[in-house]
Amino acid sequence: MEPLKIREYPDDILRKRCILIEEITDIEVKLFEEMLFTMRHFSGIGLAAPQIGIAKSLIVADIGEGAVRLANPVILKTRGSDKMEEGCLSIPGAGVVIERPDEIIVSGLNEKGKVVELEARGLSARVLQHEIDHLRGKLIIDYLNLLEKFKLKLHTRRSKKQYANL
């Protein structure tokens, strides 16, 4: 299996709201597996369908506790708060400190088409929230203030120029 292409900011698909999945078919099951393969290939711990150019409400995640595959994920409950720096496969080199709930309950369809509820804490909760953001067209850079966005743009431009001169 070959990894799928990761779409990078400012690709328009990263800003689209994803369509809900009516049922899990063989297409979605295959897509879940391709997404997991791609995520692992690029050393990620989460991936949303728009990151591979598909505007469907699908996410995968694995922080070493077993793979999670969810369609139409919805956060039902949150509790606590924690700040942590997050990266994103679609915005290479960017690290953004984001405050998020530390505990969540998420509902969605699993790879068998069954409605499931998952409780997640710590890094697992953070990854699921990050991927759910992608399904709404929200990126980690949207959590930055204006000055931080400007600094990130400068850093990104400088990095691209350095790579171009290699």
N, C-alpha and C. Protein backbone atom coordinates (compact mmCIF):
# COMPACT_ATOMS: atom_id res chain seq x y z
N MET A 1 0.85 -1.18 0.00
CA MET A 1 0.00 0.00 0.00
C MET A 1 0.89 1.24 0.00
N GLU A 2 0.53 2.21 -0.79
CA GLU A 2 1.23 3.48 -0.85
C GLU A 2 0.52 4.50 0.04
N PRO A 3 1.28 5.37 0.71
CA PRO A 3 0.61 6.41 1.51
C PRO A 3 -0.11 7.40 0.60
N LEU A 4 -1.21 7.92 1.09
CA LEU A 4 -1.95 8.94 0.35
C LEU A 4 -1.25 10.28 0.50
N LYS A 5 -1.53 11.20 -0.41
CA LYS A 5 -0.91 12.52 -0.37
C LYS A 5 -1.57 13.35 0.73
N ILE A 6 -0.76 13.95 1.58
CA ILE A 6 -1.26 14.84 2.63
C ILE A 6 -1.43 16.23 2.03
N ARG A 7 -2.62 16.78 2.16
CA ARG A 7 -2.88 18.14 1.70
C ARG A 7 -2.33 19.11 2.73
N GLU A 8 -1.67 20.15 2.24
CA GLU A 8 -1.07 21.13 3.13
C GLU A 8 -1.73 22.48 2.98
N TYR A 9 -1.75 23.23 4.09
CA TYR A 9 -2.26 24.59 4.11
C TYR A 9 -1.48 25.40 3.09
N PRO A 10 -2.11 26.18 2.23
CA PRO A 10 -3.48 26.69 2.26
C PRO A 10 -4.47 25.95 1.35
N ASP A 11 -4.29 24.66 1.10
CA ASP A 11 -5.21 23.90 0.25
C ASP A 11 -6.66 24.15 0.70
N ASP A 12 -7.53 24.50 -0.25
CA ASP A 12 -8.93 24.86 0.05
C ASP A 12 -9.71 23.77 0.77
N ILE A 13 -9.40 22.50 0.51
CA ILE A 13 -10.20 21.43 1.13
C ILE A 13 -10.05 21.43 2.65
N LEU A 14 -8.96 21.97 3.15
CA LEU A 14 -8.74 22.02 4.60
C LEU A 14 -9.70 22.98 5.29
N ARG A 15 -10.37 23.82 4.53
CA ARG A 15 -11.31 24.80 5.10
C ARG A 15 -12.77 24.40 4.88
N LYS A 16 -13.01 23.27 4.25
CA LYS A 16 -14.39 22.84 3.98
C LYS A 16 -14.98 22.07 5.15
N ARG A 17 -16.29 22.24 5.32
CA ARG A 17 -17.03 21.42 6.29
C ARG A 17 -17.32 20.09 5.60
N CYS A 18 -17.05 19.03 6.29
CA CYS A 18 -17.19 17.69 5.70
C CYS A 18 -18.63 17.20 5.73
N ILE A 19 -18.95 16.37 4.73
CA ILE A 19 -20.29 15.79 4.66
C ILE A 19 -20.38 14.59 5.60
N LEU A 20 -21.57 14.40 6.16
CA LEU A 20 -21.79 13.27 7.06
C LEU A 20 -21.92 11.98 6.25
N ILE A 21 -21.52 10.90 6.88
CA ILE A 21 -21.59 9.57 6.28
C ILE A 21 -22.92 8.94 6.68
N GLU A 22 -23.70 8.50 5.69
CA GLU A 22 -25.00 7.88 6.00
C GLU A 22 -24.84 6.45 6.50
N GLU A 23 -23.88 5.73 5.92
CA GLU A 23 -23.61 4.37 6.37
C GLU A 23 -22.17 4.03 6.04
N ILE A 24 -21.63 3.08 6.79
CA ILE A 24 -20.26 2.63 6.55
C ILE A 24 -20.31 1.51 5.51
N THR A 25 -19.69 1.78 4.36
CA THR A 25 -19.62 0.78 3.29
C THR A 25 -18.18 0.29 3.18
N ASP A 26 -17.94 -0.61 2.25
CA ASP A 26 -16.59 -1.10 2.01
C ASP A 26 -15.65 0.05 1.64
N ILE A 27 -16.19 1.08 1.01
CA ILE A 27 -15.38 2.25 0.62
C ILE A 27 -14.82 2.94 1.87
N GLU A 28 -15.66 3.17 2.86
CA GLU A 28 -15.21 3.83 4.09
C GLU A 28 -14.26 2.94 4.88
N VAL A 29 -14.53 1.63 4.91
CA VAL A 29 -13.64 0.71 5.62
C VAL A 29 -12.24 0.75 5.00
N LYS A 30 -12.19 0.71 3.67
CA LYS A 30 -10.90 0.79 2.97
C LYS A 30 -10.23 2.14 3.23
N LEU A 31 -11.02 3.20 3.21
CA LEU A 31 -10.48 4.53 3.46
C LEU A 31 -9.90 4.65 4.87
N PHE A 32 -10.60 4.09 5.87
CA PHE A 32 -10.07 4.08 7.23
C PHE A 32 -8.66 3.45 7.25
N GLU A 33 -8.51 2.31 6.58
CA GLU A 33 -7.23 1.60 6.59
C GLU A 33 -6.15 2.39 5.85
N GLU A 34 -6.52 3.01 4.73
CA GLU A 34 -5.56 3.83 3.98
C GLU A 34 -5.15 5.06 4.79
N MET A 35 -6.11 5.62 5.52
CA MET A 35 -5.80 6.77 6.37
C MET A 35 -4.85 6.37 7.50
N LEU A 36 -5.11 5.25 8.14
CA LEU A 36 -4.22 4.78 9.22
C LEU A 36 -2.82 4.53 8.68
N PHE A 37 -2.73 3.88 7.52
CA PHE A 37 -1.43 3.61 6.92
C PHE A 37 -0.69 4.92 6.64
N THR A 38 -1.40 5.87 6.05
CA THR A 38 -0.80 7.16 5.71
C THR A 38 -0.37 7.91 6.97
N MET A 39 -1.24 7.94 7.97
CA MET A 39 -0.92 8.61 9.24
C MET A 39 0.36 8.04 9.84
N ARG A 40 0.46 6.73 9.89
CA ARG A 40 1.63 6.08 10.47
C ARG A 40 2.88 6.31 9.61
N HIS A 41 2.71 6.26 8.30
CA HIS A 41 3.83 6.49 7.39
C HIS A 41 4.48 7.85 7.64
N PHE A 42 3.65 8.86 7.91
CA PHE A 42 4.16 10.22 8.14
C PHE A 42 4.35 10.53 9.63
N SER A 43 4.35 9.47 10.46
CA SER A 43 4.59 9.59 11.91
C SER A 43 3.58 10.48 12.61
N GLY A 44 2.33 10.42 12.16
CA GLY A 44 1.26 11.16 12.81
C GLY A 44 0.56 10.30 13.85
N ILE A 45 -0.29 10.95 14.64
CA ILE A 45 -1.09 10.21 15.63
C ILE A 45 -2.58 10.43 15.40
N GLY A 46 -2.90 11.20 14.37
CA GLY A 46 -4.29 11.42 13.99
C GLY A 46 -4.35 11.93 12.57
N LEU A 47 -5.48 11.66 11.90
CA LEU A 47 -5.66 12.12 10.53
C LEU A 47 -7.15 12.22 10.24
N ALA A 48 -7.52 13.28 9.55
CA ALA A 48 -8.91 13.49 9.14
C ALA A 48 -8.97 13.42 7.61
N ALA A 49 -10.11 12.97 7.09
CA ALA A 49 -10.26 12.79 5.64
C ALA A 49 -9.91 14.02 4.81
N PRO A 50 -10.27 15.24 5.21
CA PRO A 50 -9.89 16.38 4.37
C PRO A 50 -8.38 16.52 4.19
N GLN A 51 -7.60 15.99 5.12
CA GLN A 51 -6.15 16.07 5.00
C GLN A 51 -5.61 15.22 3.86
N ILE A 52 -6.44 14.31 3.36
CA ILE A 52 -6.05 13.52 2.19
C ILE A 52 -6.94 13.86 0.99
N GLY A 53 -7.63 15.00 1.09
CA GLY A 53 -8.39 15.50 -0.04
C GLY A 53 -9.81 14.99 -0.17
N ILE A 54 -10.36 14.44 0.91
CA ILE A 54 -11.71 13.88 0.88
C ILE A 54 -12.57 14.60 1.91
N ALA A 55 -13.64 15.23 1.45
CA ALA A 55 -14.49 16.03 2.35
C ALA A 55 -15.58 15.19 3.00
N LYS A 56 -15.18 14.06 3.59
CA LYS A 56 -16.11 13.19 4.32
C LYS A 56 -15.77 13.27 5.81
N SER A 57 -16.76 13.07 6.64
CA SER A 57 -16.59 13.16 8.08
C SER A 57 -16.01 11.85 8.64
N LEU A 58 -14.70 11.66 8.41
CA LEU A 58 -13.98 10.47 8.86
C LEU A 58 -12.68 10.88 9.54
N ILE A 59 -12.39 10.26 10.67
CA ILE A 59 -11.11 10.48 11.34
C ILE A 59 -10.52 9.14 11.79
N VAL A 60 -9.20 9.14 11.93
CA VAL A 60 -8.51 8.01 12.55
C VAL A 60 -7.51 8.58 13.54
N ALA A 61 -7.16 7.78 14.53
CA ALA A 61 -6.18 8.20 15.53
C ALA A 61 -5.57 6.96 16.17
N ASP A 62 -4.32 7.10 16.60
CA ASP A 62 -3.66 6.03 17.34
C ASP A 62 -2.49 6.63 18.10
N ILE A 63 -2.62 6.68 19.41
CA ILE A 63 -1.52 7.20 20.25
C ILE A 63 -0.81 6.04 20.95
N GLY A 64 -0.97 4.84 20.41
CA GLY A 64 -0.32 3.67 20.98
C GLY A 64 -1.23 2.82 21.84
N GLU A 65 -2.50 3.19 21.90
CA GLU A 65 -3.48 2.44 22.70
C GLU A 65 -4.45 1.67 21.81
N GLY A 66 -4.16 1.60 20.51
CA GLY A 66 -5.06 0.96 19.55
C GLY A 66 -5.71 2.00 18.65
N ALA A 67 -5.93 1.61 17.43
CA ALA A 67 -6.47 2.54 16.43
C ALA A 67 -7.94 2.86 16.69
N VAL A 68 -8.27 4.12 16.48
CA VAL A 68 -9.66 4.60 16.55
C VAL A 68 -10.06 4.99 15.15
N ARG A 69 -11.22 4.51 14.71
CA ARG A 69 -11.79 4.86 13.42
C ARG A 69 -13.20 5.37 13.68
N LEU A 70 -13.47 6.61 13.31
CA LEU A 70 -14.79 7.18 13.57
C LEU A 70 -15.31 7.97 12.37
N ALA A 71 -16.58 7.75 12.08
CA ALA A 71 -17.30 8.57 11.11
C ALA A 71 -18.28 9.44 11.89
N ASN A 72 -18.47 10.65 11.42
CA ASN A 72 -19.41 11.60 12.03
C ASN A 72 -19.18 11.81 13.53
N PRO A 73 -17.93 11.97 13.96
CA PRO A 73 -17.69 12.13 15.41
C PRO A 73 -18.27 13.44 15.95
N VAL A 74 -18.86 13.32 17.14
CA VAL A 74 -19.45 14.47 17.82
C VAL A 74 -19.01 14.41 19.28
N ILE A 75 -18.57 15.54 19.80
CA ILE A 75 -18.19 15.61 21.21
C ILE A 75 -19.45 15.83 22.03
N LEU A 76 -19.74 14.89 22.93
CA LEU A 76 -20.95 14.95 23.75
C LEU A 76 -20.71 15.67 25.08
N LYS A 77 -19.56 15.44 25.69
CA LYS A 77 -19.25 16.04 26.99
C LYS A 77 -17.77 16.37 27.05
N THR A 78 -17.48 17.41 27.81
CA THR A 78 -16.08 17.78 28.06
C THR A 78 -15.91 18.07 29.55
N ARG A 79 -14.65 17.93 29.99
CA ARG A 79 -14.34 18.24 31.37
C ARG A 79 -12.86 18.60 31.49
N GLY A 80 -12.55 19.49 32.38
CA GLY A 80 -11.18 19.86 32.64
C GLY A 80 -10.59 20.71 31.53
N SER A 81 -9.33 21.02 31.68
CA SER A 81 -8.65 21.87 30.71
C SER A 81 -7.16 21.61 30.80
N ASP A 82 -6.50 21.70 29.64
CA ASP A 82 -5.06 21.51 29.60
C ASP A 82 -4.51 22.25 28.38
N LYS A 83 -3.29 22.77 28.52
CA LYS A 83 -2.61 23.43 27.40
C LYS A 83 -1.47 22.54 26.94
N MET A 84 -1.31 22.49 25.61
CA MET A 84 -0.23 21.69 25.05
C MET A 84 0.07 22.16 23.64
N GLU A 85 1.29 22.01 23.22
CA GLU A 85 1.63 22.36 21.83
C GLU A 85 1.18 21.24 20.91
N GLU A 86 0.53 21.64 19.82
CA GLU A 86 0.07 20.69 18.81
C GLU A 86 0.74 20.98 17.49
N GLY A 87 1.02 19.92 16.77
CA GLY A 87 1.50 20.01 15.40
C GLY A 87 0.42 19.48 14.47
N CYS A 88 0.68 19.55 13.18
CA CYS A 88 -0.31 19.08 12.22
C CYS A 88 0.40 18.65 10.94
N LEU A 89 0.05 17.48 10.43
CA LEU A 89 0.65 17.00 9.19
C LEU A 89 0.36 17.94 8.03
N SER A 90 -0.72 18.69 8.10
CA SER A 90 -1.09 19.60 7.02
C SER A 90 -0.44 20.98 7.14
N ILE A 91 0.25 21.22 8.26
CA ILE A 91 0.97 22.49 8.44
C ILE A 91 2.36 22.14 9.00
N PRO A 92 3.22 21.58 8.15
CA PRO A 92 4.53 21.12 8.62
C PRO A 92 5.33 22.25 9.28
N GLY A 93 5.95 21.91 10.38
CA GLY A 93 6.80 22.87 11.08
C GLY A 93 6.09 23.79 12.04
N ALA A 94 4.79 23.81 12.02
CA ALA A 94 4.04 24.70 12.92
C ALA A 94 3.75 23.97 14.23
N GLY A 95 3.95 24.67 15.32
CA GLY A 95 3.57 24.18 16.63
C GLY A 95 2.78 25.27 17.33
N VAL A 96 1.58 24.93 17.78
CA VAL A 96 0.69 25.92 18.38
C VAL A 96 0.23 25.42 19.74
N VAL A 97 0.42 26.24 20.77
CA VAL A 97 -0.08 25.88 22.10
C VAL A 97 -1.58 26.16 22.13
N ILE A 98 -2.34 25.11 22.43
CA ILE A 98 -3.80 25.21 22.41
C ILE A 98 -4.35 24.68 23.74
N GLU A 99 -5.31 25.43 24.28
CA GLU A 99 -6.01 24.98 25.48
C GLU A 99 -7.27 24.24 25.03
N ARG A 100 -7.40 23.01 25.51
CA ARG A 100 -8.56 22.17 25.17
C ARG A 100 -9.04 21.44 26.42
N PRO A 101 -10.29 20.96 26.39
CA PRO A 101 -10.75 20.09 27.47
C PRO A 101 -9.84 18.86 27.59
N ASP A 102 -9.60 18.42 28.80
CA ASP A 102 -8.70 17.30 29.05
C ASP A 102 -9.41 15.95 29.01
N GLU A 103 -10.73 15.96 29.17
CA GLU A 103 -11.51 14.72 29.12
C GLU A 103 -12.72 14.97 28.24
N ILE A 104 -13.01 13.99 27.36
CA ILE A 104 -14.17 14.13 26.48
C ILE A 104 -14.89 12.79 26.33
N ILE A 105 -16.14 12.89 25.93
CA ILE A 105 -16.89 11.73 25.47
C ILE A 105 -17.30 12.05 24.04
N VAL A 106 -16.95 11.14 23.13
CA VAL A 106 -17.21 11.32 21.70
C VAL A 106 -18.13 10.20 21.22
N SER A 107 -19.06 10.55 20.36
CA SER A 107 -19.94 9.57 19.74
C SER A 107 -19.70 9.59 18.23
N GLY A 108 -19.84 8.45 17.60
CA GLY A 108 -19.70 8.36 16.15
C GLY A 108 -19.96 6.94 15.69
N LEU A 109 -19.80 6.73 14.40
CA LEU A 109 -19.94 5.39 13.84
C LEU A 109 -18.56 4.74 13.75
N ASN A 110 -18.45 3.49 14.21
CA ASN A 110 -17.18 2.79 14.07
C ASN A 110 -17.10 2.16 12.68
N GLU A 111 -16.03 1.43 12.44
CA GLU A 111 -15.81 0.83 11.11
C GLU A 111 -16.84 -0.24 10.74
N LYS A 112 -17.63 -0.67 11.71
CA LYS A 112 -18.69 -1.65 11.44
C LYS A 112 -20.05 -0.99 11.28
N GLY A 113 -20.08 0.34 11.39
CA GLY A 113 -21.33 1.07 11.22
C GLY A 113 -22.15 1.17 12.48
N LYS A 114 -21.58 0.77 13.60
CA LYS A 114 -22.29 0.83 14.89
C LYS A 114 -22.01 2.15 15.58
N VAL A 115 -23.04 2.70 16.21
CA VAL A 115 -22.85 3.93 17.00
C VAL A 115 -22.09 3.55 18.27
N VAL A 116 -21.00 4.27 18.52
CA VAL A 116 -20.18 4.01 19.70
C VAL A 116 -19.96 5.32 20.45
N GLU A 117 -19.70 5.19 21.74
CA GLU A 117 -19.27 6.33 22.56
C GLU A 117 -17.92 5.98 23.14
N LEU A 118 -16.99 6.90 23.01
CA LEU A 118 -15.64 6.70 23.54
C LEU A 118 -15.34 7.76 24.58
N GLU A 119 -14.73 7.34 25.68
CA GLU A 119 -14.22 8.28 26.66
C GLU A 119 -12.73 8.42 26.40
N ALA A 120 -12.26 9.65 26.36
CA ALA A 120 -10.85 9.89 26.11
C ALA A 120 -10.32 10.94 27.07
N ARG A 121 -9.07 10.74 27.48
CA ARG A 121 -8.40 11.66 28.40
C ARG A 121 -7.02 12.01 27.86
N GLY A 122 -6.52 13.14 28.29
CA GLY A 122 -5.14 13.52 27.97
C GLY A 122 -4.90 13.63 26.47
N LEU A 123 -3.80 13.02 26.03
CA LEU A 123 -3.40 13.11 24.62
C LEU A 123 -4.46 12.53 23.69
N SER A 124 -5.09 11.46 24.09
CA SER A 124 -6.13 10.85 23.27
C SER A 124 -7.28 11.83 23.03
N ALA A 125 -7.71 12.51 24.08
CA ALA A 125 -8.78 13.51 23.95
C ALA A 125 -8.35 14.65 23.05
N ARG A 126 -7.12 15.08 23.19
CA ARG A 126 -6.59 16.19 22.39
C ARG A 126 -6.57 15.82 20.90
N VAL A 127 -6.09 14.63 20.59
CA VAL A 127 -6.00 14.19 19.20
C VAL A 127 -7.40 14.12 18.56
N LEU A 128 -8.35 13.55 19.28
CA LEU A 128 -9.71 13.47 18.74
C LEU A 128 -10.29 14.86 18.49
N GLN A 129 -10.08 15.78 19.41
CA GLN A 129 -10.58 17.15 19.23
C GLN A 129 -9.91 17.82 18.04
N HIS A 130 -8.62 17.62 17.88
CA HIS A 130 -7.86 18.19 16.76
C HIS A 130 -8.43 17.68 15.43
N GLU A 131 -8.68 16.38 15.35
CA GLU A 131 -9.19 15.81 14.10
C GLU A 131 -10.63 16.24 13.84
N ILE A 132 -11.43 16.35 14.88
CA ILE A 132 -12.81 16.83 14.71
C ILE A 132 -12.80 18.27 14.23
N ASP A 133 -11.86 19.08 14.70
CA ASP A 133 -11.71 20.44 14.18
C ASP A 133 -11.53 20.42 12.66
N HIS A 134 -10.69 19.50 12.17
CA HIS A 134 -10.46 19.40 10.72
C HIS A 134 -11.76 19.19 9.95
N LEU A 135 -12.67 18.43 10.52
CA LEU A 135 -13.94 18.13 9.83
C LEU A 135 -14.82 19.37 9.69
N ARG A 136 -14.53 20.39 10.50
CA ARG A 136 -15.28 21.66 10.43
C ARG A 136 -14.48 22.74 9.72
N GLY A 137 -13.32 22.38 9.16
CA GLY A 137 -12.50 23.35 8.46
C GLY A 137 -11.66 24.22 9.37
N LYS A 138 -11.46 23.77 10.61
CA LYS A 138 -10.68 24.55 11.57
C LYS A 138 -9.29 23.95 11.71
N LEU A 139 -8.28 24.82 11.69
CA LEU A 139 -6.88 24.41 11.77
C LEU A 139 -6.23 24.95 13.03
N ILE A 140 -5.08 24.39 13.39
CA ILE A 140 -4.40 24.84 14.61
C ILE A 140 -4.03 26.31 14.53
N ILE A 141 -3.77 26.81 13.34
CA ILE A 141 -3.39 28.22 13.21
C ILE A 141 -4.55 29.16 13.54
N ASP A 142 -5.78 28.64 13.54
CA ASP A 142 -6.94 29.46 13.90
C ASP A 142 -6.97 29.79 15.38
N TYR A 143 -6.16 29.10 16.16
CA TYR A 143 -6.07 29.37 17.60
C TYR A 143 -5.04 30.46 17.91
N LEU A 144 -4.29 30.88 16.90
CA LEU A 144 -3.26 31.91 17.11
C LEU A 144 -3.88 33.31 17.11
N ASN A 145 -3.25 34.22 17.85
CA ASN A 145 -3.65 35.62 17.74
C ASN A 145 -2.96 36.22 16.52
N LEU A 146 -3.29 37.45 16.18
CA LEU A 146 -2.79 38.09 14.96
C LEU A 146 -1.26 38.14 14.91
N LEU A 147 -0.63 38.52 16.01
CA LEU A 147 0.83 38.61 16.04
C LEU A 147 1.46 37.24 15.83
N GLU A 148 0.90 36.22 16.49
CA GLU A 148 1.43 34.86 16.34
C GLU A 148 1.29 34.36 14.90
N LYS A 149 0.16 34.69 14.25
CA LYS A 149 -0.03 34.30 12.85
C LYS A 149 1.02 34.95 11.95
N PHE A 150 1.30 36.22 12.20
CA PHE A 150 2.31 36.95 11.42
C PHE A 150 3.68 36.30 11.59
N LYS A 151 4.05 35.98 12.83
CA LYS A 151 5.34 35.35 13.09
C LYS A 151 5.44 33.98 12.41
N LEU A 152 4.35 33.22 12.42
CA LEU A 152 4.34 31.91 11.77
C LEU A 152 4.52 32.07 10.26
N LYS A 153 3.87 33.05 9.66
CA LYS A 153 4.03 33.29 8.22
C LYS A 153 5.47 33.62 7.88
N LEU A 154 6.09 34.48 8.69
CA LEU A 154 7.49 34.83 8.47
C LEU A 154 8.38 33.60 8.57
N HIS A 155 8.17 32.81 9.60
CA HIS A 155 8.97 31.60 9.81
C HIS A 155 8.80 30.64 8.63
N THR A 156 7.57 30.47 8.16
CA THR A 156 7.29 29.56 7.05
C THR A 156 7.97 30.04 5.77
N ARG A 157 7.89 31.35 5.50
CA ARG A 157 8.55 31.90 4.31
C ARG A 157 10.05 31.68 4.36
N ARG A 158 10.66 31.95 5.52
CA ARG A 158 12.11 31.78 5.67
C ARG A 158 12.51 30.32 5.48
N SER A 159 11.72 29.41 6.05
CA SER A 159 12.02 27.99 5.92
C SER A 159 11.95 27.56 4.47
N LYS A 160 10.94 28.01 3.73
CA LYS A 160 10.81 27.63 2.32
C LYS A 160 11.97 28.17 1.50
N LYS A 161 12.42 29.40 1.80
CA LYS A 161 13.56 29.96 1.09
C LYS A 161 14.83 29.15 1.38
N GLN A 162 15.01 28.74 2.63
CA GLN A 162 16.18 27.95 2.97
C GLN A 162 16.18 26.61 2.22
N TYR A 163 15.01 25.98 2.14
CA TYR A 163 14.93 24.71 1.42
C TYR A 163 15.19 24.90 -0.06
N ALA A 164 14.73 26.02 -0.63
CA ALA A 164 14.91 26.30 -2.04
C ALA A 164 16.38 26.50 -2.38
N ASN A 165 17.18 26.96 -1.41
CA ASN A 165 18.59 27.22 -1.65
C ASN A 165 19.48 25.99 -1.41
N LEU A 166 18.91 24.90 -0.99
CA LEU A 166 19.71 23.68 -0.74
C LEU A 166 20.13 23.01 -2.04
